[in-house]
Amino acid sequence: MNYFQDILNAQKRIEPFVTETPVVTSNALNSMFGAEIFFKLENKQEAGAFKFRGATNAVQNLSEEEAAKGVATHSSGNHAAALALAAKNRGIPAYIVMPENTPQIKVENVKRFGGQITFCKPTLEAREEELKQVIEKTGAIFIPPYDYYDVICGQGTAALELIEQAGPFDIVMAPVGGGGLLSGSAIATRKLLPNAQIIAGEPANADDACRSLKAGKIIPSNNPDTIADGLKTSLGENNFKIIHEFVDHIFTAKEESIRAAMVLLRKQAGIFAEPSSAVPLAAMAENKEYFRGKRIGVIISGGNISEETFSMLTYYQND
């Protein structure tokens, strides 16, 4: 299996649909961190997050026969919207199972792109059972949010673009939840920048990836409690194999650091980031000496958050 070639193939496959998102830097943040930091703005991506890359690659790579009855998934947010839009672009239905406590802005995104939503109780068991019933009824193909090779390759195109646009780097950073973005980024970075470090940021309150990397085996997430709702998921098996092989470090960040990083990104770089996107900068803030003097590429994974929620989460940082 040629991981990197498959990312290059994915880049060609998704090019007609995805946005080549910009890379920006901030003199204020560079001064504050004593480093050169380049932010890849996947919050400017179609559907508001990097997830559109992986969803589009997976949907466009289906045969006509596979695609005929549509696609389905369970997701609390960005993958749901991404898959709905990817399916719309191919002219097939998307069936989305969402927890009933999903933030309204993410529900509206799915509806806007034509996704057909079924709500369920907010547990993994309920999501999987409801999805099973939807697939039995519709015959749709299940496209998982991260533990799926075509999705991983699609996500890897974000780091590929980042390096093409602003590289080389000493460090490439991404947040980690299920591991789709990190594993794809690791493949692209290791091939293009073999001497660069690949580092992830993860909430301290949902640190299963950090513990798994240290242990050399998957340690499932246990009652994660973080404002970074996109990073609550346990690592996927395919993702972990790649992460274990290629990722150098995973640094964690406290909740107050994540809130502060959201404010820093907005005030000093004009970046409107959802909590998950701010985690790498939060991890850098807690480990400044490690990053000092380095040239760093950071993927801002998404921006699907309302002004109201942003203000509520960052209230004390704005005092």
Protein backbone atom coordinates (compact mmCIF):
# COMPACT_ATOMS: atom_id res chain seq x y z
CA MET A 1 0.00 0.00 0.00
CA ASN A 2 1.49 3.33 -1.11
CA TYR A 3 0.11 5.76 1.44
CA PHE A 4 1.56 8.91 -0.10
CA GLN A 5 0.59 8.05 -3.68
CA ASP A 6 -2.96 7.50 -2.46
CA ILE A 7 -2.95 11.01 -0.95
CA LEU A 8 -1.75 12.42 -4.28
CA ASN A 9 -4.56 10.50 -6.02
CA ALA A 10 -7.02 11.89 -3.48
CA GLN A 11 -5.80 15.43 -4.17
CA LYS A 12 -6.61 15.04 -7.88
CA ARG A 13 -9.95 13.38 -7.15
CA ILE A 14 -11.24 16.09 -4.80
CA GLU A 15 -9.74 19.12 -6.60
CA PRO A 16 -12.98 20.06 -8.43
CA PHE A 17 -14.88 20.24 -5.13
CA VAL A 18 -12.65 21.42 -2.28
CA THR A 19 -11.23 24.85 -1.54
CA GLU A 20 -7.48 25.35 -1.46
CA THR A 21 -7.60 27.11 1.88
CA PRO A 22 -5.24 29.97 2.69
CA VAL A 23 -2.25 29.93 5.02
CA VAL A 24 -1.79 32.95 7.30
CA THR A 25 0.68 34.08 9.93
CA SER A 26 0.55 36.59 12.79
CA ASN A 27 3.46 38.79 13.82
CA ALA A 28 1.91 39.14 17.28
CA LEU A 29 1.70 35.38 17.83
CA ASN A 30 5.15 34.81 16.34
CA SER A 31 6.55 37.30 18.84
CA MET A 32 4.56 35.81 21.72
CA PHE A 33 5.76 32.26 21.02
CA GLY A 34 9.24 33.06 19.74
CA ALA A 35 8.53 30.99 16.64
CA GLU A 36 7.31 31.28 13.05
CA ILE A 37 3.78 29.87 12.98
CA PHE A 38 1.78 29.31 9.79
CA PHE A 39 -1.94 28.52 10.14
CA LYS A 40 -3.73 26.47 7.46
CA LEU A 41 -7.32 27.75 7.53
CA GLU A 42 -9.54 24.70 7.11
CA ASN A 43 -12.26 26.74 8.86
CA LYS A 44 -12.54 28.35 5.39
CA GLN A 45 -13.13 24.94 3.78
CA GLU A 46 -16.47 23.97 2.24
CA ALA A 47 -18.80 22.84 5.06
CA GLY A 48 -16.53 24.72 7.49
CA ALA A 49 -13.94 22.04 8.27
CA PHE A 50 -11.21 19.76 6.91
CA LYS A 51 -13.67 16.84 7.06
CA PHE A 52 -14.98 17.78 3.61
CA ARG A 53 -11.71 16.55 2.10
CA GLY A 54 -12.03 13.00 3.42
CA ALA A 55 -15.77 12.77 2.82
CA THR A 56 -15.38 13.94 -0.78
CA ASN A 57 -12.57 11.49 -1.49
CA ALA A 58 -14.61 8.61 -0.06
CA VAL A 59 -17.80 9.54 -1.93
CA GLN A 60 -16.09 10.25 -5.26
CA ASN A 61 -14.16 6.97 -5.04
CA LEU A 62 -17.33 4.85 -4.83
CA SER A 63 -18.35 2.89 -7.90
CA GLU A 64 -21.67 3.78 -9.55
CA GLU A 65 -23.17 0.62 -8.08
CA GLU A 66 -21.93 1.41 -4.57
CA ALA A 67 -23.09 5.01 -4.72
CA ALA A 68 -26.55 4.29 -6.13
CA LYS A 69 -28.32 3.96 -2.78
CA GLY A 70 -26.49 6.78 -1.08
CA VAL A 71 -24.17 7.05 1.90
CA ALA A 72 -24.71 7.03 5.65
CA THR A 73 -22.84 7.83 8.82
CA HIS A 74 -23.20 8.76 12.47
CA SER A 75 -21.61 12.05 13.51
CA SER A 76 -22.11 14.83 16.01
CA GLY A 77 -21.03 17.51 13.61
CA ASN A 78 -18.39 18.26 11.00
CA HIS A 79 -18.26 14.85 9.31
CA ALA A 80 -22.05 14.87 9.06
CA ALA A 81 -22.10 18.18 7.19
CA ALA A 82 -19.11 17.18 5.07
CA LEU A 83 -20.69 13.90 3.99
CA ALA A 84 -24.01 15.59 3.25
CA LEU A 85 -22.32 18.09 0.93
CA ALA A 86 -20.07 15.47 -0.66
CA ALA A 87 -23.14 13.34 -1.41
CA LYS A 88 -25.03 16.35 -2.78
CA ASN A 89 -22.13 17.05 -5.14
CA ARG A 90 -22.41 13.51 -6.48
CA GLY A 91 -26.22 13.63 -6.64
CA ILE A 92 -26.86 10.87 -4.11
CA PRO A 93 -28.65 10.90 -0.74
CA ALA A 94 -26.87 11.15 2.61
CA TYR A 95 -28.42 9.63 5.74
CA ILE A 96 -27.02 11.12 8.93
CA VAL A 97 -27.53 9.82 12.47
CA MET A 98 -26.90 12.61 15.00
CA PRO A 99 -27.11 12.70 18.81
CA GLU A 100 -30.08 14.71 20.01
CA ASN A 101 -27.75 17.09 21.90
CA THR A 102 -25.76 18.10 18.79
CA PRO A 103 -25.13 21.88 18.62
CA GLN A 104 -27.81 23.54 16.49
CA ILE A 105 -25.32 25.15 14.10
CA LYS A 106 -24.06 21.68 13.13
CA VAL A 107 -27.61 20.36 12.65
CA GLU A 108 -28.40 23.33 10.40
CA ASN A 109 -25.28 22.69 8.33
CA VAL A 110 -26.39 19.13 7.61
CA LYS A 111 -29.90 20.27 6.67
CA ARG A 112 -28.50 23.03 4.45
CA PHE A 113 -26.60 20.45 2.41
CA GLY A 114 -29.59 18.15 2.05
CA GLY A 115 -28.63 15.50 4.61
CA GLN A 116 -31.52 13.40 5.95
CA ILE A 117 -31.13 13.40 9.74
CA THR A 118 -32.21 10.77 12.24
CA PHE A 119 -31.68 11.80 15.87
CA CYS A 120 -30.69 9.36 18.59
CA LYS A 121 -29.68 9.27 22.25
CA PRO A 122 -26.19 10.73 22.86
CA THR A 123 -24.36 7.43 23.35
CA LEU A 124 -22.12 5.51 20.97
CA GLU A 125 -24.33 2.43 21.34
CA ALA A 126 -27.42 4.41 20.32
CA ARG A 127 -25.64 5.98 17.35
CA GLU A 128 -24.42 2.62 16.07
CA GLU A 129 -27.79 0.90 16.54
CA GLU A 130 -29.70 3.70 14.80
CA LEU A 131 -27.20 3.73 11.92
CA LYS A 132 -27.55 -0.04 11.53
CA GLN A 133 -31.30 0.39 11.14
CA VAL A 134 -30.91 3.23 8.64
CA ILE A 135 -28.52 1.16 6.51
CA GLU A 136 -30.81 -1.89 6.63
CA LYS A 137 -33.71 0.28 5.45
CA THR A 138 -31.90 2.27 2.73
CA GLY A 139 -29.03 0.07 1.58
CA ALA A 140 -26.70 3.07 1.88
CA ILE A 141 -22.90 2.67 2.16
CA PHE A 142 -21.41 3.48 5.59
CA ILE A 143 -18.69 6.16 5.41
CA PRO A 144 -17.03 6.33 8.85
CA PRO A 145 -15.78 9.70 10.10
CA TYR A 146 -12.09 8.78 10.50
CA ASP A 147 -11.27 5.04 10.63
CA TYR A 148 -11.57 4.58 6.86
CA TYR A 149 -8.71 4.61 4.39
CA ASP A 150 -10.26 6.90 1.74
CA VAL A 151 -11.14 9.38 4.48
CA ILE A 152 -7.58 9.33 5.88
CA CYS A 153 -6.13 9.97 2.41
CA GLY A 154 -8.52 12.85 1.80
CA GLN A 155 -7.63 14.46 5.12
CA GLY A 156 -3.93 14.13 4.29
CA THR A 157 -4.37 16.59 1.44
CA ALA A 158 -4.64 19.46 3.96
CA ALA A 159 -1.06 18.92 5.17
CA LEU A 160 0.07 18.30 1.60
CA GLU A 161 -1.30 21.72 0.62
CA LEU A 162 0.12 23.39 3.73
CA ILE A 163 3.63 22.16 2.92
CA GLU A 164 3.29 23.11 -0.76
CA GLN A 165 2.06 26.60 0.18
CA ALA A 166 4.36 27.56 3.06
CA GLY A 167 6.88 24.80 3.79
CA PRO A 168 9.35 23.58 4.73
CA PHE A 169 8.65 23.28 8.47
CA ASP A 170 10.45 22.00 11.52
CA ILE A 171 7.11 20.90 12.98
CA VAL A 172 3.67 20.16 11.52
CA MET A 173 0.80 20.19 14.02
CA ALA A 174 -2.83 19.07 13.98
CA PRO A 175 -5.45 18.31 16.62
CA VAL A 176 -6.29 14.66 17.31
CA GLY A 177 -9.60 13.00 18.16
CA GLY A 178 -10.42 9.92 16.08
CA GLY A 179 -7.14 10.45 14.23
CA GLY A 180 -8.17 10.94 10.60
CA LEU A 181 -6.56 14.36 10.18
CA LEU A 182 -3.46 13.46 12.19
CA SER A 183 -2.81 10.17 10.40
CA GLY A 184 -3.28 11.72 6.96
CA SER A 185 -1.09 14.69 7.93
CA ALA A 186 1.58 12.34 9.25
CA ILE A 187 1.76 10.41 5.97
CA ALA A 188 2.11 13.57 3.88
CA THR A 189 4.60 15.22 6.22
CA ARG A 190 6.85 12.20 6.66
CA LYS A 191 7.15 11.82 2.88
CA LEU A 192 7.67 15.49 2.01
CA LEU A 193 9.60 16.59 5.11
CA PRO A 194 11.32 13.47 6.48
CA ASN A 195 13.20 15.44 9.13
CA ALA A 196 10.21 17.42 10.41
CA GLN A 197 8.46 16.49 13.64
CA ILE A 198 4.78 15.56 13.53
CA ILE A 199 3.04 16.69 16.70
CA ALA A 200 -0.60 16.65 17.78
CA GLY A 201 -2.53 18.71 20.28
CA GLU A 202 -5.14 16.96 22.42
CA PRO A 203 -7.37 18.06 25.32
CA ALA A 204 -6.01 16.88 28.67
CA ASN A 205 -9.59 15.86 29.53
CA ALA A 206 -9.75 13.58 26.47
CA ASP A 207 -6.17 12.34 26.24
CA ASP A 208 -6.61 8.78 24.96
CA ALA A 209 -4.40 9.40 21.90
CA CYS A 210 -1.54 10.67 24.08
CA ARG A 211 -1.86 7.67 26.40
CA SER A 212 -2.21 5.27 23.46
CA LEU A 213 0.94 6.58 21.74
CA LYS A 214 2.95 6.17 24.94
CA ALA A 215 1.55 2.70 25.61
CA GLY A 216 1.95 1.45 22.05
CA LYS A 217 -1.66 0.25 21.96
CA ILE A 218 -5.11 1.82 21.80
CA ILE A 219 -6.41 2.95 25.17
CA PRO A 220 -10.07 3.91 24.65
CA SER A 221 -11.39 7.27 25.76
CA ASN A 222 -13.12 7.13 29.13
CA ASN A 223 -15.83 9.76 29.77
CA PRO A 224 -14.08 12.64 27.94
CA ASP A 225 -15.21 16.03 29.22
CA THR A 226 -13.93 18.86 27.05
CA ILE A 227 -15.26 21.90 25.19
CA ALA A 228 -13.40 20.51 22.14
CA ASP A 229 -16.37 18.32 21.21
CA GLY A 230 -14.76 17.24 17.93
CA LEU A 231 -11.91 15.55 19.83
CA LYS A 232 -13.88 13.36 22.22
CA THR A 233 -13.73 10.29 19.99
CA SER A 234 -11.39 7.38 20.69
CA LEU A 235 -8.67 6.66 18.11
CA GLY A 236 -9.56 4.44 15.19
CA GLU A 237 -7.52 1.27 14.59
CA ASN A 238 -6.26 2.23 11.12
CA ASN A 239 -5.48 5.72 12.36
CA PHE A 240 -3.52 4.44 15.33
CA LYS A 241 -1.30 2.22 13.17
CA ILE A 242 -0.23 5.25 11.15
CA ILE A 243 0.06 7.54 14.18
CA HIS A 244 2.16 4.98 16.06
CA GLU A 245 4.51 4.71 13.09
CA PHE A 246 4.89 8.39 12.17
CA VAL A 247 3.84 10.77 14.97
CA ASP A 248 6.60 12.08 17.27
CA HIS A 249 4.64 13.59 20.17
CA ILE A 250 1.15 14.38 21.40
CA PHE A 251 0.96 17.33 23.78
CA THR A 252 -2.15 17.90 25.88
CA ALA A 253 -3.85 21.17 26.80
CA LYS A 254 -6.04 22.15 29.75
CA GLU A 255 -9.53 23.53 29.16
CA GLU A 256 -8.56 27.06 30.20
CA SER A 257 -5.67 26.97 27.72
CA ILE A 258 -8.05 25.95 24.92
CA ARG A 259 -10.37 28.87 25.73
CA ALA A 260 -7.43 31.27 25.84
CA ALA A 261 -6.11 29.96 22.52
CA MET A 262 -9.49 30.57 20.86
CA VAL A 263 -9.28 34.20 21.94
CA LEU A 264 -5.63 34.54 20.87
CA LEU A 265 -6.39 33.18 17.41
CA ARG A 266 -9.27 35.60 16.94
CA LYS A 267 -7.66 38.71 18.40
CA GLN A 268 -4.13 38.27 17.09
CA ALA A 269 -4.68 36.43 13.80
CA GLY A 270 -8.32 37.05 12.87
CA ILE A 271 -9.05 33.31 12.95
CA PHE A 272 -12.52 32.24 14.11
CA ALA A 273 -11.78 28.74 15.40
CA GLU A 274 -13.99 26.18 17.08
CA PRO A 275 -12.47 24.73 20.28
CA SER A 276 -10.97 21.64 18.61
CA SER A 277 -9.06 23.90 16.19
CA ALA A 278 -7.50 25.88 19.03
CA VAL A 279 -6.08 22.83 20.82
CA PRO A 280 -2.70 22.74 18.99
CA LEU A 281 -2.00 26.40 19.88
CA ALA A 282 -3.15 25.71 23.45
CA ALA A 283 -0.71 22.78 23.66
CA MET A 284 2.05 25.04 22.31
CA ALA A 285 1.25 27.64 24.97
CA GLU A 286 1.74 25.02 27.69
CA ASN A 287 5.07 23.89 26.17
CA LYS A 288 6.54 27.12 24.80
CA GLU A 289 10.19 26.20 25.20
CA TYR A 290 9.75 23.11 23.04
CA PHE A 291 8.50 25.21 20.13
CA ARG A 292 10.73 28.26 20.51
CA GLY A 293 12.79 29.10 17.43
CA LYS A 294 10.95 26.60 15.22
CA ARG A 295 9.10 27.02 11.93
CA ILE A 296 5.70 25.47 12.54
CA GLY A 297 2.73 24.62 10.30
CA VAL A 298 -0.57 24.29 12.18
CA ILE A 299 -3.83 23.02 10.70
CA ILE A 300 -6.86 24.98 11.94
CA SER A 301 -9.32 22.13 11.58
CA GLY A 302 -12.66 23.95 11.52
CA GLY A 303 -14.79 26.93 12.44
CA ASN A 304 -18.29 25.55 12.95
CA ILE A 305 -19.24 27.47 16.06
CA SER A 306 -21.79 30.21 16.58
CA GLU A 307 -20.87 33.68 17.84
CA GLU A 308 -23.05 33.01 20.87
CA THR A 309 -21.25 29.79 21.78
CA PHE A 310 -17.84 31.34 21.13
CA SER A 311 -18.66 34.22 23.47
CA MET A 312 -19.99 31.88 26.14
CA LEU A 313 -16.92 29.62 26.03
CA THR A 314 -14.44 32.49 26.08
CA TYR A 315 -16.28 34.89 28.41
CA TYR A 316 -13.63 35.00 31.14
CA GLN A 317 -10.79 35.34 28.63
CA ASN A 318 -12.49 38.44 27.23
CA ASP A 319 -12.78 40.24 30.58
